[in-house]
Amino acid sequence: MAPSVVLVTGVSRFLGGHLAARLAANPDIDRVLGVDTVPPPRDLLRRMGRAEFVRADIRNPLIAKVISGAGVDTVVHASVSANPASSGGRTAMKEMNVIGTMQLLAACQKAPSVRRVVLKSTTAVYGASSRDPALFDEAMMPKEMSSGGYAKDAAEIEGYLRGFGRRRPDVSVTVLRFSNFIGPRIDTVLTRYFALPVVPTVLGYDARVQLLHEEDALAVLERAATEELPGVFNVSADGVLLLSQAIRRAGRVPLPVPSLAVGPVSRVLRSARLVDFSPEQMRFLNFGRVVETRRLRDEFGFTPRWTTVQAFDDYVRGRALRPLLGPEQVAWLERGVLAAARTLR
């Protein structure tokens, strides 16, 4: 059954704003409220149509008045941030992620109208280490717990949501653990990383990368908001790419960096405002992460339209990424490397 009044957090960003637009286009939904601390960009605000933007900070208890006053029955929490730079630093990011979620859930707990809560979480809760299994399923725990950052925030948030579910068993709770997003329009650390002319990698490692197209992510969020599908679901496309394969498909030039130099290189990229790498993102580029998606297909009833490879290629086409080196230059470099290797024999 379609909800009557939906509240979406994080509407100034791609996923939250476009989800609000999709829900507003559904005639079965009476009202859509989009909440954020700053207004969405003008073009996104126009796309949101009849969705109402509410400028509010979910860290403030006043969010309870918004929920109760509007009679919200469905809450989609899509504002959990992975990027400290866009959040005003790591401290502000943690406050918005963790304290904001606590206040939002407290407001939902007090509102008798709330019947459904959907959380945009992340597969980063599984961590990334050399001891990881080939596939993570929803029941598994990380081999190494993250000491900070986005992954720790997400794990804490999921814990708070489980507590909320115990206190309000009448509310349907859905947790969507998304893999890394990719696509022609969405802006993430990974989309900026693969757009670098020279892409730094960790010497001796070639991570397995599993991705999800931005349109599939929106479709999953929309389905979770409009249907009662409680549970925890890994959300990712089929197939994987090795990091080296992805870099080649983007036409970029890899730059293998020794492990000891990874920190200084990431600080240079951060200071140049090219890519804001966190330690957990660097571990992901070391070891990668792949998840099992059987529950997504069998219980949630969704099969991604794009595979990992197709999603990545659509990103490359949409961003009009052109190879920095043509076939002739690559062949010339290969000949040079082979000639150098022969002289060392």
Protein backbone atom coordinates (compact mmCIF):
# COMPACT_ATOMS: atom_id res chain seq x y z
CA MET A 1 0.00 0.00 0.00
CA ALA A 2 1.38 3.40 -0.98
CA PRO A 3 2.13 5.80 1.88
CA SER A 4 0.15 8.99 2.41
CA VAL A 5 2.83 11.38 3.69
CA VAL A 6 6.54 10.71 3.08
CA LEU A 7 9.46 12.59 4.61
CA VAL A 8 12.86 12.30 2.88
CA THR A 9 16.04 13.59 4.52
CA GLY A 10 19.07 14.84 2.59
CA VAL A 11 17.15 16.32 -0.37
CA SER A 12 19.90 18.80 -1.26
CA ARG A 13 21.98 15.85 -2.51
CA PHE A 14 21.49 13.69 -5.57
CA LEU A 15 19.79 10.63 -4.09
CA GLY A 16 17.52 12.40 -1.63
CA GLY A 17 16.43 15.09 -4.09
CA HIS A 18 15.76 12.73 -6.98
CA LEU A 19 13.95 10.28 -4.70
CA ALA A 20 11.67 13.10 -3.52
CA ALA A 21 11.03 13.96 -7.18
CA ARG A 22 10.04 10.35 -7.98
CA LEU A 23 7.74 10.11 -4.98
CA ALA A 24 6.14 13.47 -5.80
CA ALA A 25 5.33 12.13 -9.27
CA ASN A 26 3.36 9.26 -7.70
CA PRO A 27 -0.34 10.28 -7.63
CA ASP A 28 -1.07 7.72 -4.88
CA ILE A 29 1.08 9.69 -2.41
CA ASP A 30 -0.70 12.69 -0.90
CA ARG A 31 2.32 14.67 0.27
CA VAL A 32 6.12 14.57 0.08
CA LEU A 33 8.33 16.56 2.45
CA GLY A 34 12.02 17.04 1.66
CA VAL A 35 14.21 17.99 4.62
CA ASP A 36 17.74 19.38 4.61
CA THR A 37 19.84 22.12 6.20
CA VAL A 38 20.36 23.87 2.84
CA PRO A 39 18.04 24.19 -0.18
CA PRO A 40 18.58 21.84 -3.12
CA PRO A 41 20.21 23.29 -6.26
CA ARG A 42 17.71 25.22 -8.37
CA ASP A 43 17.41 22.60 -11.13
CA LEU A 44 16.89 19.82 -8.58
CA LEU A 45 14.28 21.90 -6.74
CA ARG A 46 12.35 22.34 -10.00
CA ARG A 47 12.59 18.61 -10.68
CA MET A 48 11.09 17.88 -7.24
CA GLY A 49 7.75 19.26 -8.46
CA ARG A 50 5.07 19.29 -5.77
CA ALA A 51 7.45 17.99 -3.09
CA GLU A 52 7.70 20.54 -0.28
CA PHE A 53 11.15 21.59 0.86
CA VAL A 54 11.49 22.06 4.62
CA ARG A 55 14.66 23.73 5.81
CA ALA A 56 15.40 21.89 9.04
CA ASP A 57 18.30 20.29 10.89
CA ILE A 58 17.53 16.74 11.98
CA ARG A 59 19.93 17.25 14.91
CA ASN A 60 17.37 19.67 16.35
CA PRO A 61 14.47 18.19 18.34
CA LEU A 62 12.15 20.47 16.34
CA ILE A 63 12.18 17.77 13.63
CA ALA A 64 9.58 16.04 15.84
CA LYS A 65 7.16 18.90 15.19
CA VAL A 66 7.64 18.54 11.44
CA ILE A 67 6.86 14.81 11.58
CA SER A 68 3.89 15.02 13.95
CA GLY A 69 2.47 18.19 12.42
CA ALA A 70 2.39 16.74 8.92
CA GLY A 71 1.20 13.30 10.02
CA VAL A 72 4.19 11.61 8.35
CA ASP A 73 3.72 7.84 7.98
CA THR A 74 6.91 7.01 6.03
CA VAL A 75 10.44 8.31 6.71
CA VAL A 76 13.31 7.73 4.28
CA HIS A 77 16.60 8.63 5.96
CA ALA A 78 18.90 9.36 3.01
CA SER A 79 21.11 12.07 4.49
CA VAL A 80 23.86 9.88 6.00
CA SER A 81 27.05 11.38 4.56
CA ALA A 82 30.31 9.67 3.57
CA ASN A 83 32.20 12.84 2.69
CA PRO A 84 33.71 14.94 5.53
CA ALA A 85 34.62 17.80 3.17
CA SER A 86 31.03 18.38 2.05
CA SER A 87 29.81 18.08 5.66
CA GLY A 88 32.12 20.69 7.14
CA GLY A 89 34.71 18.29 8.53
CA ARG A 90 34.74 14.92 10.29
CA THR A 91 33.27 16.27 13.56
CA ALA A 92 30.32 17.93 11.82
CA MET A 93 29.83 14.83 9.66
CA LYS A 94 29.64 12.56 12.73
CA GLU A 95 27.21 14.92 14.44
CA MET A 96 24.92 15.01 11.41
CA ASN A 97 25.15 11.26 10.83
CA VAL A 98 24.90 9.92 14.38
CA ILE A 99 23.30 12.67 16.50
CA GLY A 100 20.98 13.59 13.63
CA THR A 101 19.81 9.99 13.29
CA MET A 102 19.23 9.71 17.04
CA GLN A 103 17.03 12.82 17.01
CA LEU A 104 15.18 11.66 13.90
CA LEU A 105 14.44 8.23 15.41
CA ALA A 106 13.37 9.83 18.69
CA ALA A 107 10.90 11.95 16.71
CA CYS A 108 9.64 8.87 14.85
CA GLN A 109 9.23 6.97 18.10
CA LYS A 110 6.98 9.70 19.53
CA ALA A 111 4.86 10.04 16.36
CA PRO A 112 2.03 7.48 16.26
CA SER A 113 1.50 8.25 12.56
CA VAL A 114 4.88 6.75 11.54
CA ARG A 115 4.47 3.26 10.11
CA ARG A 116 7.58 2.80 7.94
CA VAL A 117 11.27 3.81 8.26
CA VAL A 118 13.82 3.26 5.48
CA LEU A 119 17.56 3.78 6.06
CA LYS A 120 20.12 4.36 3.32
CA SER A 121 23.08 2.50 4.79
CA THR A 122 26.26 1.14 3.22
CA THR A 123 28.21 -2.06 2.65
CA ALA A 124 31.11 -0.23 4.31
CA VAL A 125 29.76 -1.64 7.59
CA TYR A 126 31.48 -4.92 6.58
CA GLY A 127 34.86 -3.18 6.52
CA ALA A 128 37.72 -4.05 4.17
CA SER A 129 40.64 -6.24 5.13
CA SER A 130 42.88 -9.04 3.90
CA ARG A 131 40.84 -11.55 5.95
CA ASP A 132 37.49 -10.78 4.29
CA PRO A 133 35.39 -13.58 2.78
CA ALA A 134 34.78 -13.71 -0.97
CA LEU A 135 31.18 -12.56 -0.37
CA PHE A 136 29.56 -10.80 2.58
CA ASP A 137 25.94 -11.65 3.31
CA GLU A 138 23.61 -9.66 5.55
CA ALA A 139 24.26 -11.84 8.62
CA MET A 140 28.05 -11.41 8.59
CA MET A 141 30.12 -9.09 10.78
CA PRO A 142 33.29 -7.24 9.70
CA LYS A 143 36.60 -9.02 10.25
CA GLU A 144 38.11 -5.76 11.48
CA MET A 145 35.93 -3.10 13.09
CA SER A 146 36.44 0.44 11.79
CA SER A 147 37.84 2.80 14.43
CA GLY A 148 36.19 5.86 12.89
CA GLY A 149 34.73 7.46 9.81
CA TYR A 150 31.69 6.69 7.69
CA ALA A 151 31.72 2.92 8.31
CA LYS A 152 31.67 3.40 12.10
CA ASP A 153 28.88 5.98 11.77
CA ALA A 154 26.82 3.60 9.64
CA ALA A 155 27.30 0.72 12.09
CA GLU A 156 26.19 2.93 15.01
CA ILE A 157 23.18 4.20 13.05
CA GLU A 158 22.07 0.67 12.23
CA GLY A 159 22.36 -0.17 15.93
CA TYR A 160 20.13 2.77 16.87
CA LEU A 161 17.62 1.70 14.23
CA ARG A 162 17.50 -1.85 15.63
CA GLY A 163 16.77 -0.35 19.05
CA PHE A 164 14.02 1.78 17.54
CA GLY A 165 12.52 -1.32 15.91
CA ARG A 166 12.36 -3.06 19.31
CA ARG A 167 10.63 -0.06 20.89
CA ARG A 168 8.22 0.36 17.99
CA PRO A 169 7.48 -3.16 16.70
CA ASP A 170 4.48 -1.75 14.83
CA VAL A 171 6.83 0.14 12.46
CA SER A 172 8.24 -1.58 9.35
CA VAL A 173 12.02 -1.02 9.29
CA THR A 174 14.11 -1.44 6.11
CA VAL A 175 17.91 -1.16 6.00
CA LEU A 176 19.47 -0.85 2.55
CA ARG A 177 23.22 -1.47 2.52
CA PHE A 178 24.34 0.09 -0.75
CA SER A 179 27.63 -0.61 -2.47
CA ASN A 180 29.53 2.29 -4.05
CA PHE A 181 27.41 4.42 -6.37
CA ILE A 182 28.46 5.17 -9.94
CA GLY A 183 26.79 6.93 -12.84
CA PRO A 184 26.93 9.93 -15.15
CA ARG A 185 25.25 12.38 -12.73
CA ILE A 186 26.05 11.40 -9.15
CA ASP A 187 29.10 12.93 -7.45
CA THR A 188 31.02 10.67 -5.05
CA VAL A 189 34.60 10.10 -3.95
CA LEU A 190 34.78 7.17 -6.39
CA THR A 191 33.47 9.11 -9.42
CA ARG A 192 36.05 11.83 -8.77
CA TYR A 193 38.78 9.21 -8.24
CA PHE A 194 38.26 7.55 -11.63
CA ALA A 195 38.14 10.97 -13.34
CA LEU A 196 41.68 11.84 -12.19
CA PRO A 197 44.12 11.98 -15.14
CA VAL A 198 46.59 9.81 -13.21
CA VAL A 199 44.92 7.43 -10.75
CA PRO A 200 46.97 6.45 -7.69
CA THR A 201 46.72 2.80 -6.63
CA VAL A 202 48.39 0.82 -3.86
CA LEU A 203 51.42 -1.04 -5.14
CA GLY A 204 50.88 -4.79 -5.02
CA TYR A 205 47.08 -4.66 -4.64
CA ASP A 206 44.26 -4.94 -7.16
CA ALA A 207 40.96 -4.64 -5.33
CA ARG A 208 37.68 -6.20 -6.45
CA VAL A 209 35.16 -3.40 -6.93
CA GLN A 210 31.38 -3.88 -6.90
CA LEU A 211 29.25 -0.93 -7.97
CA LEU A 212 25.62 0.19 -8.27
CA HIS A 213 24.20 2.48 -10.93
CA GLU A 214 22.60 5.67 -9.60
CA GLU A 215 19.28 4.85 -11.30
CA ASP A 216 19.14 1.40 -9.70
CA ALA A 217 19.83 3.01 -6.31
CA LEU A 218 16.89 5.38 -6.80
CA ALA A 219 14.62 2.53 -7.91
CA VAL A 220 15.46 0.52 -4.78
CA LEU A 221 14.83 3.51 -2.49
CA GLU A 222 11.52 4.24 -4.23
CA ARG A 223 10.38 0.62 -3.87
CA ALA A 224 11.33 0.56 -0.18
CA ALA A 225 9.42 3.80 0.43
CA THR A 226 6.23 2.67 -1.28
CA GLU A 227 6.02 -1.00 -0.24
CA GLU A 228 6.32 -2.78 3.09
CA LEU A 229 9.60 -4.69 2.76
CA PRO A 230 11.17 -4.96 6.23
CA GLY A 231 14.63 -6.38 6.72
CA VAL A 232 18.29 -5.79 5.92
CA PHE A 233 19.32 -5.96 2.26
CA ASN A 234 22.65 -5.71 0.46
CA VAL A 235 22.09 -3.60 -2.65
CA SER A 236 24.61 -3.93 -5.47
CA ALA A 237 24.89 -4.81 -9.14
CA ASP A 238 25.91 -8.23 -10.41
CA GLY A 239 29.57 -8.84 -11.24
CA VAL A 240 32.80 -7.18 -10.18
CA LEU A 241 35.64 -5.19 -11.71
CA LEU A 242 39.25 -5.30 -10.68
CA LEU A 243 40.48 -1.81 -9.87
CA SER A 244 43.05 -2.07 -12.67
CA GLN A 245 40.31 -3.01 -15.16
CA ALA A 246 38.16 -0.06 -14.12
CA ILE A 247 41.07 2.36 -14.55
CA ARG A 248 41.74 1.01 -18.05
CA ARG A 249 38.05 1.22 -19.00
CA ALA A 250 38.06 4.87 -17.92
CA GLY A 251 41.12 5.55 -20.09
CA ARG A 252 43.12 6.71 -17.08
CA VAL A 253 46.77 6.08 -16.25
CA PRO A 254 47.41 4.07 -13.05
CA LEU A 255 50.12 5.24 -10.66
CA PRO A 256 51.13 2.43 -8.26
CA VAL A 257 52.18 3.97 -4.95
CA PRO A 258 54.01 2.11 -2.14
CA SER A 259 51.88 1.62 0.96
CA LEU A 260 54.02 4.03 3.01
CA ALA A 261 53.41 6.81 0.47
CA VAL A 262 49.62 6.37 0.33
CA GLY A 263 49.01 8.78 3.24
CA PRO A 264 51.04 11.67 1.78
CA VAL A 265 49.50 11.16 -1.68
CA SER A 266 45.96 11.19 -0.26
CA ARG A 267 46.76 14.39 1.67
CA VAL A 268 48.00 16.04 -1.53
CA LEU A 269 44.78 15.08 -3.34
CA ARG A 270 42.70 16.33 -0.40
CA SER A 271 44.54 19.65 -0.19
CA ALA A 272 44.10 20.15 -3.94
CA ARG A 273 40.35 19.46 -3.46
CA LEU A 274 40.46 16.71 -6.08
CA VAL A 275 39.48 13.68 -3.98
CA ASP A 276 38.89 13.53 -0.22
CA PHE A 277 40.23 10.09 0.72
CA SER A 278 39.60 8.77 4.21
CA PRO A 279 41.62 5.89 5.72
CA GLU A 280 38.66 3.50 5.27
CA GLN A 281 38.40 4.44 1.59
CA MET A 282 42.08 3.70 1.17
CA ARG A 283 41.54 0.26 2.74
CA PHE A 284 38.72 -0.31 0.27
CA LEU A 285 41.13 0.49 -2.59
CA ASN A 286 43.54 -2.03 -1.07
CA PHE A 287 41.21 -4.97 -0.54
CA GLY A 288 37.87 -4.16 -2.19
CA ARG A 289 34.58 -5.61 -1.02
CA VAL A 290 31.93 -7.85 -2.63
CA VAL A 291 28.51 -8.67 -1.20
CA GLU A 292 25.87 -11.33 -1.74
CA THR A 293 22.61 -9.94 -3.22
CA ARG A 294 20.35 -13.01 -3.19
CA ARG A 295 17.99 -11.46 -0.62
CA LEU A 296 17.65 -8.35 -2.77
CA ARG A 297 16.36 -10.46 -5.67
CA ASP A 298 14.39 -13.12 -3.80
CA GLU A 299 12.87 -11.24 -0.85
CA PHE A 300 12.99 -7.58 -1.84
CA GLY A 301 12.01 -8.44 -5.42
CA PHE A 302 14.52 -6.27 -7.25
CA THR A 303 17.14 -7.10 -9.87
CA PRO A 304 19.46 -4.24 -10.85
CA ARG A 305 19.15 -3.16 -14.47
CA TRP A 306 22.88 -2.50 -14.85
CA THR A 307 25.72 -4.88 -13.99
CA THR A 308 28.84 -3.47 -12.36
CA VAL A 309 30.62 -3.32 -15.75
CA GLN A 310 27.62 -1.74 -17.50
CA ALA A 311 27.17 0.82 -14.73
CA PHE A 312 30.85 1.78 -14.90
CA ASP A 313 30.77 2.07 -18.70
CA ASP A 314 27.67 4.29 -18.48
CA TYR A 315 29.59 6.52 -16.06
CA VAL A 316 32.52 6.73 -18.49
CA ARG A 317 30.21 7.61 -21.41
CA GLY A 318 28.14 10.06 -19.39
CA ARG A 319 31.20 11.92 -18.11
CA ALA A 320 32.73 11.86 -21.61
CA LEU A 321 35.99 10.49 -20.22
CA ARG A 322 38.52 10.17 -23.02
CA PRO A 323 41.64 7.99 -22.94
CA LEU A 324 44.70 10.05 -22.10
CA LEU A 325 46.84 7.73 -24.20
CA GLY A 326 45.85 6.42 -27.62
CA PRO A 327 46.62 2.90 -28.89
CA GLU A 328 49.79 4.10 -30.63
CA GLN A 329 51.13 5.71 -27.46
CA VAL A 330 50.30 2.62 -25.39
CA ALA A 331 52.08 0.39 -27.93
CA TRP A 332 55.09 2.73 -27.90
CA LEU A 333 55.25 2.59 -24.10
CA GLU A 334 54.94 -1.21 -24.13
CA ARG A 335 57.82 -1.48 -26.61
CA GLY A 336 59.90 0.81 -24.46
CA VAL A 337 59.22 -1.20 -21.31
CA LEU A 338 60.05 -4.47 -23.06
CA ALA A 339 63.27 -3.02 -24.47
CA ALA A 340 64.27 -1.79 -21.02
CA ALA A 341 63.51 -5.19 -19.54
CA ARG A 342 65.73 -6.92 -22.14
CA THR A 343 68.68 -4.69 -21.24
CA LEU A 344 68.38 -5.75 -17.58
CA ARG A 345 68.81 -9.46 -18.34
